N, C-alpha and C. Protein backbone atom coordinates (compact mmCIF):
# COMPACT_ATOMS: atom_id res chain seq x y z
N UNK A 1 33.58 43.67 135.01
CA UNK A 1 34.58 44.65 134.33
C UNK A 1 33.59 45.64 134.22
N UNK A 2 33.79 46.94 134.19
CA UNK A 2 32.99 48.52 133.82
C UNK A 2 33.00 48.67 132.62
N UNK A 3 31.61 48.80 131.60
CA UNK A 3 32.14 49.25 130.37
C UNK A 3 33.63 50.61 130.02
N UNK A 4 34.22 50.48 129.08
CA UNK A 4 35.17 51.36 128.78
C UNK A 4 34.47 52.11 127.24
N UNK A 5 34.47 53.48 127.32
CA UNK A 5 34.14 54.18 126.15
C UNK A 5 34.74 53.78 124.63
N UNK A 6 34.17 53.72 124.01
CA UNK A 6 34.73 52.97 122.76
C UNK A 6 35.66 53.72 122.39
N UNK A 7 37.14 53.64 121.68
CA UNK A 7 37.77 53.75 120.90
C UNK A 7 37.18 53.93 119.50
N UNK A 8 37.74 55.30 118.75
CA UNK A 8 37.18 56.07 117.47
C UNK A 8 37.40 54.64 116.31
N UNK A 9 36.81 54.56 115.80
CA UNK A 9 37.18 53.86 114.49
C UNK A 9 36.79 54.66 113.15
N UNK A 10 37.41 54.32 112.19
CA UNK A 10 37.29 54.48 111.13
C UNK A 10 35.98 54.41 110.35
N UNK A 11 35.79 53.26 110.83
CA UNK A 11 34.54 52.71 110.42
C UNK A 11 33.07 52.78 111.17
N UNK A 12 32.68 53.25 111.13
CA UNK A 12 31.76 53.18 112.34
C UNK A 12 31.01 51.50 112.46
N UNK A 13 30.45 51.49 113.55
CA UNK A 13 30.47 50.23 113.75
C UNK A 13 31.93 48.84 114.37
N UNK A 14 32.93 49.19 113.46
CA UNK A 14 33.93 47.99 113.64
C UNK A 14 35.02 48.63 113.64
N UNK A 15 35.62 48.26 114.54
CA UNK A 15 36.92 48.96 115.11
C UNK A 15 37.68 47.33 115.46
N UNK A 16 38.69 46.86 115.32
CA UNK A 16 39.32 45.67 115.00
C UNK A 16 40.33 46.12 116.11
N UNK A 17 40.91 47.22 116.19
CA UNK A 17 42.21 47.35 117.01
C UNK A 17 41.44 47.14 118.38
N UNK A 18 40.19 47.79 118.64
CA UNK A 18 39.19 48.33 119.98
C UNK A 18 39.04 46.78 119.97
N UNK A 19 38.70 45.91 119.32
CA UNK A 19 38.02 44.73 119.86
C UNK A 19 39.15 43.56 120.49
N UNK A 20 40.61 43.68 120.15
CA UNK A 20 41.67 43.06 120.09
C UNK A 20 42.25 43.79 121.92
N UNK A 21 42.08 44.71 121.53
CA UNK A 21 42.32 45.10 123.02
C UNK A 21 41.85 45.21 124.26
N UNK A 22 40.10 44.92 123.91
CA UNK A 22 39.38 44.26 124.67
C UNK A 22 39.45 42.96 125.15
N UNK A 23 39.92 42.30 124.22
CA UNK A 23 40.00 40.63 124.64
C UNK A 23 41.07 40.59 124.89
N UNK A 24 42.17 41.43 124.80
CA UNK A 24 43.43 41.12 126.18
C UNK A 24 43.16 41.75 127.68
N UNK A 25 42.02 42.55 127.32
CA UNK A 25 42.36 43.40 128.83
C UNK A 25 41.26 42.20 129.38
N UNK A 26 40.44 41.64 128.97
CA UNK A 26 39.51 40.70 129.39
C UNK A 26 39.75 39.64 130.00
N UNK A 27 41.01 39.01 129.29
CA UNK A 27 41.57 37.80 129.52
C UNK A 27 42.38 38.17 130.70
N UNK A 28 43.26 39.23 130.59
CA UNK A 28 44.31 39.37 131.59
C UNK A 28 43.38 40.10 133.10
N UNK A 29 41.95 40.32 132.57
CA UNK A 29 41.20 40.51 134.44
C UNK A 29 40.75 39.05 134.77
N UNK A 30 40.59 38.33 133.69
CA UNK A 30 40.44 37.08 133.92
C UNK A 30 40.94 35.43 134.41
N UNK A 31 42.14 36.19 134.13
CA UNK A 31 43.06 35.18 134.12
C UNK A 31 43.27 34.19 135.55
N UNK A 32 42.82 33.15 135.94
CA UNK A 32 43.04 32.52 137.03
C UNK A 32 44.42 31.60 137.35
N UNK A 33 45.37 31.70 136.62
CA UNK A 33 46.94 31.18 136.65
C UNK A 33 47.18 31.21 138.27
N UNK A 34 47.66 30.39 138.69
CA UNK A 34 48.69 29.72 139.67
C UNK A 34 49.26 30.70 139.85
N UNK A 35 49.39 31.31 141.25
CA UNK A 35 49.78 32.58 142.08
C UNK A 35 51.23 31.82 142.17
N UNK A 36 52.48 32.45 141.93
CA UNK A 36 53.75 32.14 142.04
C UNK A 36 54.15 33.31 142.87
N UNK A 37 55.70 33.27 143.33
CA UNK A 37 55.97 34.54 143.91
C UNK A 37 57.25 35.28 142.43
N UNK A 38 56.88 36.53 142.60
CA UNK A 38 57.50 37.04 141.73
C UNK A 38 59.28 36.97 141.31
N UNK A 39 59.39 36.46 139.86
CA UNK A 39 61.07 36.33 140.72
C UNK A 39 61.88 37.35 140.60
N UNK A 40 63.15 36.72 140.64
CA UNK A 40 64.23 38.23 140.69
C UNK A 40 64.36 38.45 139.31
N UNK A 41 65.22 39.76 139.36
CA UNK A 41 65.42 40.44 138.09
C UNK A 41 66.56 39.22 137.31
N UNK A 42 67.25 38.34 138.13
CA UNK A 42 68.58 38.19 137.51
C UNK A 42 67.96 36.57 137.25
N UNK A 43 66.79 35.81 138.11
CA UNK A 43 65.98 34.80 137.76
C UNK A 43 65.69 34.26 136.53
N UNK A 44 65.96 33.25 136.11
CA UNK A 44 65.83 32.96 134.27
C UNK A 44 64.58 32.31 134.40
N UNK A 45 63.89 32.38 133.34
CA UNK A 45 61.97 32.98 132.64
C UNK A 45 61.98 31.46 132.82
N UNK A 46 62.86 30.29 132.77
CA UNK A 46 62.59 29.08 132.52
C UNK A 46 63.82 28.18 132.62
N UNK A 47 64.10 27.17 133.54
CA UNK A 47 65.06 26.71 133.74
C UNK A 47 66.06 26.29 132.67
N UNK A 48 67.06 26.62 132.80
CA UNK A 48 68.13 26.70 131.62
C UNK A 48 67.93 27.77 130.53
N UNK A 49 66.94 28.59 130.66
CA UNK A 49 66.87 29.74 129.90
C UNK A 49 67.61 30.81 130.02
N UNK A 50 68.48 31.67 129.16
CA UNK A 50 69.58 32.20 129.18
C UNK A 50 68.60 34.19 129.28
N UNK A 51 67.33 33.88 129.00
CA UNK A 51 66.41 35.05 129.12
C UNK A 51 66.12 34.98 130.85
N UNK A 52 66.68 36.20 131.57
CA UNK A 52 65.88 36.47 132.91
C UNK A 52 64.99 37.34 133.08
N UNK A 53 64.29 37.37 134.21
CA UNK A 53 62.52 38.19 134.57
C UNK A 53 62.99 39.58 133.82
N UNK A 54 63.87 39.95 134.26
CA UNK A 54 64.14 41.60 133.55
C UNK A 54 64.31 41.85 132.60
N UNK A 55 64.67 40.78 131.42
CA UNK A 55 64.73 40.88 129.98
C UNK A 55 63.30 40.35 129.64
N UNK A 56 62.54 39.77 130.51
CA UNK A 56 61.45 39.01 129.83
C UNK A 56 60.61 40.37 129.74
N UNK A 57 60.19 40.86 131.40
CA UNK A 57 60.03 42.23 131.00
C UNK A 57 59.55 43.45 129.96
N UNK A 58 61.42 43.49 129.85
CA UNK A 58 61.82 44.29 128.90
C UNK A 58 60.86 44.10 127.77
N UNK A 59 61.13 42.35 127.15
CA UNK A 59 60.81 42.57 126.40
C UNK A 59 58.97 42.38 125.78
N UNK A 60 58.10 42.56 126.91
CA UNK A 60 56.50 42.64 127.00
C UNK A 60 56.59 44.17 126.85
N UNK A 61 57.32 44.84 127.87
CA UNK A 61 56.59 46.29 127.81
C UNK A 61 56.81 46.68 126.36
N UNK A 62 58.50 46.32 125.49
CA UNK A 62 58.27 47.05 124.08
C UNK A 62 56.64 46.25 123.74
N UNK A 63 56.74 45.43 123.54
CA UNK A 63 55.61 44.74 122.55
C UNK A 63 54.39 45.57 123.25
N UNK A 64 53.48 46.23 124.44
CA UNK A 64 53.04 46.43 124.80
C UNK A 64 53.43 48.03 124.43
N UNK A 65 54.41 48.86 124.11
CA UNK A 65 54.49 50.22 123.66
C UNK A 65 54.13 50.11 122.17
N UNK A 66 54.41 49.02 121.57
CA UNK A 66 53.95 49.08 119.94
C UNK A 66 52.53 49.17 119.85
N UNK A 67 52.15 48.20 120.90
CA UNK A 67 50.02 48.21 121.08
C UNK A 67 49.78 49.16 120.84
N UNK A 68 50.78 49.95 122.00
CA UNK A 68 50.01 50.90 122.58
C UNK A 68 49.92 52.51 121.37
N UNK A 69 51.41 52.37 120.86
CA UNK A 69 51.28 53.46 119.81
C UNK A 69 50.13 53.01 118.38
N UNK A 70 49.94 51.91 118.20
CA UNK A 70 49.27 51.83 117.16
C UNK A 70 47.98 52.08 117.34
N UNK A 71 47.08 52.12 118.94
CA UNK A 71 46.07 52.36 118.95
C UNK A 71 45.97 53.89 119.57
N UNK A 72 46.62 54.48 119.77
CA UNK A 72 46.76 55.64 119.80
C UNK A 72 46.69 56.35 118.55
N UNK A 73 47.71 56.29 117.47
CA UNK A 73 47.68 56.66 116.04
C UNK A 73 46.71 55.99 115.10
N UNK A 74 45.73 55.19 116.07
CA UNK A 74 44.12 55.07 115.01
C UNK A 74 43.07 56.31 115.62
N UNK A 75 43.04 56.43 116.71
CA UNK A 75 42.30 57.45 117.40
C UNK A 75 42.95 58.23 116.99
N UNK A 76 43.67 59.13 117.13
CA UNK A 76 44.34 60.55 116.93
C UNK A 76 44.29 60.69 115.19
N UNK A 77 44.50 59.50 114.41
CA UNK A 77 43.96 59.89 112.98
C UNK A 77 43.01 60.00 112.36
N UNK A 78 41.55 59.18 113.15
CA UNK A 78 39.76 59.13 113.17
C UNK A 78 40.14 61.31 113.64
N UNK A 79 40.53 61.53 114.33
CA UNK A 79 40.58 62.94 114.82
C UNK A 79 41.21 64.24 113.88
N UNK A 80 41.87 63.54 112.92
CA UNK A 80 42.84 64.12 111.64
C UNK A 80 43.67 65.07 112.89
N UNK A 81 44.23 64.43 113.58
CA UNK A 81 45.50 65.06 114.75
C UNK A 81 46.61 64.22 113.99
N UNK A 82 47.29 63.28 113.52
CA UNK A 82 47.97 62.81 112.77
C UNK A 82 47.50 62.28 111.56
N UNK A 83 48.57 62.01 110.46
CA UNK A 83 48.77 61.59 109.31
C UNK A 83 48.89 60.21 108.87
N UNK A 84 49.55 59.23 109.18
CA UNK A 84 49.94 58.27 108.94
C UNK A 84 50.17 56.91 110.28
N UNK A 85 49.33 56.06 109.43
CA UNK A 85 48.62 55.02 110.78
C UNK A 85 48.85 53.30 110.12
N UNK A 86 50.19 53.06 109.52
CA UNK A 86 50.23 51.98 109.25
C UNK A 86 50.87 51.30 110.47
N UNK A 87 50.20 50.38 111.34
CA UNK A 87 49.95 50.02 112.56
C UNK A 87 51.43 48.17 112.40
N UNK A 88 51.95 48.18 113.15
CA UNK A 88 52.74 46.80 113.22
C UNK A 88 51.58 45.58 114.13
N UNK A 89 50.80 46.00 114.62
CA UNK A 89 50.02 45.04 115.29
C UNK A 89 50.29 43.48 114.68
N UNK A 90 50.62 42.33 115.35
CA UNK A 90 51.35 40.97 114.49
C UNK A 90 52.46 40.93 114.89
N UNK A 91 53.09 42.24 114.64
CA UNK A 91 54.50 41.61 114.44
C UNK A 91 55.41 42.24 116.17
N UNK A 92 54.81 42.03 116.93
CA UNK A 92 55.18 42.08 118.60
C UNK A 92 56.28 41.21 118.54
N UNK A 93 56.41 39.76 118.15
CA UNK A 93 57.94 38.90 118.23
C UNK A 93 59.00 39.27 118.06
N UNK A 94 58.98 40.72 117.06
CA UNK A 94 59.83 40.65 116.65
C UNK A 94 61.21 41.85 117.55
N UNK A 95 60.64 41.78 118.49
CA UNK A 95 61.25 42.28 119.54
C UNK A 95 61.98 41.63 120.19
N UNK A 96 62.01 40.39 120.37
CA UNK A 96 62.75 38.91 120.35
C UNK A 96 64.09 39.59 119.70
N UNK A 97 63.73 39.61 117.99
CA UNK A 97 64.85 39.71 117.10
C UNK A 97 65.69 40.72 117.86
N UNK A 98 64.97 42.09 117.47
CA UNK A 98 65.78 43.39 118.44
C UNK A 98 66.89 43.01 119.48
N UNK A 99 66.71 42.47 120.18
CA UNK A 99 67.10 41.77 121.47
C UNK A 99 68.47 41.45 120.87
N UNK A 100 68.29 40.60 120.01
CA UNK A 100 69.78 39.56 119.85
C UNK A 100 70.58 39.72 118.98
N UNK A 101 70.28 41.10 118.53
CA UNK A 101 71.04 41.57 117.43
C UNK A 101 71.40 42.81 117.43
N UNK A 102 72.40 43.33 117.43
CA UNK A 102 73.17 44.63 117.68
C UNK A 102 72.54 45.88 116.79
N UNK A 103 72.10 47.31 117.67
CA UNK A 103 71.95 48.28 116.93
C UNK A 103 72.32 48.74 115.87
N UNK A 104 73.53 48.18 114.99
CA UNK A 104 73.76 48.58 114.05
C UNK A 104 73.87 47.19 112.62
N UNK A 105 72.92 46.07 113.43
CA UNK A 105 72.24 45.61 112.13
C UNK A 105 71.91 45.48 111.28
N UNK A 106 71.65 45.19 110.18
CA UNK A 106 70.47 45.37 109.53
C UNK A 106 69.58 44.40 109.49
N UNK A 107 68.37 44.93 109.00
CA UNK A 107 66.92 44.07 109.76
C UNK A 107 66.33 44.85 108.75
N UNK A 108 66.30 43.41 107.93
CA UNK A 108 64.89 43.94 106.78
C UNK A 108 63.72 43.46 107.21
N UNK A 109 62.74 43.61 107.92
CA UNK A 109 61.47 43.78 108.56
C UNK A 109 60.68 44.67 108.21
N UNK A 110 59.40 44.39 108.30
CA UNK A 110 58.09 45.12 107.82
C UNK A 110 58.82 46.72 108.87
N UNK A 111 59.17 47.59 107.87
CA UNK A 111 59.45 49.03 108.56
C UNK A 111 58.84 49.98 109.67
N UNK A 112 57.78 49.02 109.41
CA UNK A 112 56.88 49.54 110.90
C UNK A 112 56.72 48.64 111.52
N UNK A 113 57.70 47.76 112.38
CA UNK A 113 57.91 46.86 113.46
C UNK A 113 57.58 47.54 114.74
N UNK A 114 56.54 48.07 115.34
CA UNK A 114 57.26 49.42 116.53
C UNK A 114 58.13 47.79 117.69
N UNK A 115 57.44 46.91 117.87
CA UNK A 115 57.94 46.34 118.77
C UNK A 115 59.13 46.33 119.02
N UNK A 116 60.08 45.71 117.63
CA UNK A 116 60.87 45.69 117.36
C UNK A 116 61.90 47.03 117.58
N UNK A 117 61.22 47.99 117.02
CA UNK A 117 61.78 49.54 117.36
C UNK A 117 61.96 49.98 118.65
N UNK A 118 61.17 49.50 119.45
CA UNK A 118 61.03 49.28 120.89
C UNK A 118 62.21 48.85 121.38
N UNK A 119 62.28 47.77 121.66
CA UNK A 119 63.34 47.06 121.76
C UNK A 119 64.82 47.70 121.56
N UNK A 120 64.75 47.78 120.47
CA UNK A 120 66.45 48.07 119.85
C UNK A 120 66.53 49.55 120.18
N UNK A 121 65.45 50.69 120.49
CA UNK A 121 65.98 51.86 121.45
C UNK A 121 66.08 51.73 122.62
N UNK A 122 66.27 50.72 123.53
CA UNK A 122 67.27 50.20 124.90
C UNK A 122 68.61 49.89 124.37
N UNK A 123 69.13 49.84 123.48
CA UNK A 123 70.33 49.32 123.51
C UNK A 123 71.03 50.78 123.25
N UNK A 124 70.34 51.95 123.02
CA UNK A 124 70.96 53.38 122.72
C UNK A 124 70.67 54.31 124.07
N UNK A 125 71.74 55.02 124.62
CA UNK A 125 71.03 56.10 125.40
C UNK A 125 70.13 57.40 125.05
N UNK A 126 69.55 57.72 126.00
CA UNK A 126 68.50 58.40 125.48
C UNK A 126 67.50 58.77 124.62
N UNK A 127 67.34 57.91 124.10
CA UNK A 127 66.09 57.15 122.91
C UNK A 127 65.03 57.17 123.52
N UNK A 128 64.19 57.79 122.79
CA UNK A 128 62.26 57.48 123.22
C UNK A 128 61.83 57.21 121.90
N UNK A 129 61.44 55.98 121.83
CA UNK A 129 60.50 55.11 120.86
C UNK A 129 59.46 56.27 121.04
N UNK A 130 58.60 56.62 122.45
CA UNK A 130 57.23 57.02 121.82
C UNK A 130 57.19 58.09 121.52
N UNK A 131 58.43 59.01 122.15
CA UNK A 131 58.24 60.24 121.22
C UNK A 131 58.27 60.72 119.75
N UNK A 132 59.96 59.53 119.36
CA UNK A 132 59.84 59.45 118.02
C UNK A 132 58.99 58.79 117.58
N UNK A 133 57.96 58.28 117.46
CA UNK A 133 56.72 57.16 116.98
C UNK A 133 55.76 58.93 116.77
N UNK A 134 55.62 59.66 118.21
CA UNK A 134 54.44 60.58 118.10
C UNK A 134 54.82 61.76 116.78
N UNK A 135 56.47 61.69 117.02
CA UNK A 135 56.61 62.95 116.15
C UNK A 135 56.72 62.18 114.61
N UNK A 136 56.87 61.49 114.15
CA UNK A 136 56.20 60.46 113.00
C UNK A 136 54.89 60.82 112.41
N UNK A 137 54.52 60.18 113.55
CA UNK A 137 52.63 59.94 112.88
C UNK A 137 52.05 61.60 112.77
N UNK A 138 52.90 62.41 113.70
CA UNK A 138 52.41 64.03 113.25
C UNK A 138 52.95 64.36 112.18
N UNK A 139 53.87 64.06 111.36
CA UNK A 139 54.66 64.49 110.03
C UNK A 139 55.36 65.97 110.54
N UNK A 140 56.15 66.04 112.08
CA UNK A 140 56.72 67.00 112.60
C UNK A 140 57.86 67.07 112.01
N UNK A 141 58.64 68.59 111.95
CA UNK A 141 59.68 68.66 111.13
C UNK A 141 60.91 68.30 111.93
N UNK A 142 60.49 67.85 113.64
CA UNK A 142 61.26 67.30 114.58
C UNK A 142 61.37 65.84 114.59
N UNK A 143 60.69 65.33 113.67
CA UNK A 143 61.18 63.76 113.75
C UNK A 143 62.38 62.98 113.27
N UNK A 144 62.99 63.11 113.91
CA UNK A 144 64.48 62.40 113.62
C UNK A 144 65.08 61.69 112.11
N UNK A 145 63.84 60.74 112.27
CA UNK A 145 63.85 59.79 111.06
C UNK A 145 63.61 60.61 109.43
N UNK A 146 62.85 61.44 109.35
CA UNK A 146 62.21 62.24 108.56
C UNK A 146 62.50 63.63 108.55
N UNK A 147 62.67 64.32 109.46
CA UNK A 147 62.15 65.81 109.38
C UNK A 147 60.82 66.09 108.83
N UNK A 148 59.76 65.27 108.81
CA UNK A 148 58.24 65.44 108.30
C UNK A 148 58.28 65.30 107.20
N UNK A 149 59.35 64.77 106.57
CA UNK A 149 59.15 64.29 104.80
C UNK A 149 58.59 63.61 104.35
N UNK A 150 58.46 62.27 106.09
CA UNK A 150 58.32 60.94 104.49
C UNK A 150 56.50 60.63 105.46
N UNK A 151 55.97 61.44 104.16
CA UNK A 151 54.68 61.44 104.37
C UNK A 151 53.59 60.58 103.44
N UNK A 152 53.22 59.34 103.14
CA UNK A 152 52.57 59.35 101.73
C UNK A 152 50.94 59.83 101.89
């Protein structure tokens, strides 16, 4: 695996997000699990499971969206391009909760649960969790949640 340029860190010499990201990339790169045929979208992920392959991929994508938004927010914060970087790494499992609830259900989670938000956005047409998060990070007046006013 070729060396990647380091992700900018707030504290020189230590960036926990970079370490986690590299560990994940290395794990996926080195994984030697058994090769299996790609399941059809409507195949259950496990015998008897209500979760199908399409849903599983969507959940995983929501988790990746959340993690990558966290990483990019940290990079952009170091460059003074954004103002707010409370990440939600470690909350990726909340994507399943979003899948199992209606978009109108109250959810008293950590308010920055990115995977929950990304998955819940699937329930509404024309929603883009990446763009909305970017607008929020930049304290943009176009941020649909705050109009740029909710920054600490």
